[in-house]
Amino acid sequence: MLRFYANANLEPKRIRVDLWRIIYAVDDEFQQIAVLAIRKRPPYDYEDVLDLLAELE
């Protein structure tokens, strides 16, 4: 699990599909999923996850 939290209601996660990573956030309160980014990896760099979460607010 990714350890970045801009909003306590959002839990950021990722799914690996071959060399691709789908970064998404789960909002349990509203039962919604938001796709934050789809990226080809490597390199593995998730430093902008807080910025992506901030765009949801």
Protein backbone atom coordinates (compact mmCIF):
# COMPACT_ATOMS: atom_id res chain seq x y z
CA MET A 1 0.00 0.00 0.00
CA LEU A 2 1.18 3.52 -0.72
CA ARG A 3 1.69 5.63 2.38
CA PHE A 4 0.49 9.06 1.31
CA TYR A 5 -2.62 10.64 2.81
CA ALA A 6 -3.87 14.08 1.83
CA ASN A 7 -7.41 13.28 2.89
CA ALA A 8 -8.26 10.77 5.64
CA ASN A 9 -11.19 9.45 3.56
CA LEU A 10 -8.96 8.49 0.63
CA GLU A 11 -6.76 5.42 0.62
CA PRO A 12 -4.29 5.48 -2.31
CA LYS A 13 -3.43 2.14 -3.90
CA ARG A 14 -1.86 0.77 -7.06
CA ILE A 15 -2.44 -2.12 -9.42
CA ARG A 16 0.39 -3.61 -11.47
CA VAL A 17 -0.35 -4.64 -15.06
CA ASP A 18 2.88 -5.77 -16.73
CA LEU A 19 5.08 -2.64 -16.77
CA TRP A 20 2.12 -0.33 -16.10
CA ARG A 21 0.90 1.00 -12.76
CA ILE A 22 -2.64 2.21 -12.16
CA ILE A 23 -2.65 4.56 -9.17
CA TYR A 24 -6.07 5.05 -7.63
CA ALA A 25 -7.75 6.18 -4.43
CA VAL A 26 -10.62 4.52 -2.61
CA ASP A 27 -13.14 6.66 -0.75
CA ASP A 28 -14.96 4.26 1.56
CA GLU A 29 -17.36 6.91 2.83
CA PHE A 30 -18.82 7.62 -0.61
CA GLN A 31 -18.00 4.17 -2.04
CA GLN A 32 -16.07 5.67 -4.96
CA ILE A 33 -12.82 4.94 -6.75
CA ALA A 34 -10.81 7.69 -8.47
CA VAL A 35 -8.05 6.81 -10.93
CA LEU A 36 -5.21 9.25 -10.22
CA ALA A 37 -2.72 8.16 -12.87
CA ILE A 38 -1.77 5.40 -15.27
CA ARG A 39 1.99 5.18 -15.74
CA LYS A 40 4.52 2.96 -17.37
CA ARG A 41 7.20 1.77 -14.95
CA PRO A 42 10.10 1.65 -14.11
CA PRO A 43 11.19 3.96 -12.57
CA TYR A 44 9.08 3.61 -9.46
CA ASP A 45 8.40 7.15 -8.29
CA TYR A 46 5.27 8.05 -6.35
CA GLU A 47 6.40 11.43 -5.02
CA ASP A 48 3.50 13.24 -6.71
CA VAL A 49 0.72 11.16 -5.12
CA LEU A 50 -0.13 13.95 -2.67
CA ASP A 51 -0.51 16.38 -5.56
CA LEU A 52 -2.77 13.92 -7.39
CA LEU A 53 -4.92 13.45 -4.28
CA ALA A 54 -5.18 17.23 -3.83
CA GLU A 55 -6.75 17.49 -7.30
CA LEU A 56 -9.72 15.42 -6.03
CA GLU A 57 -10.70 18.01 -3.42
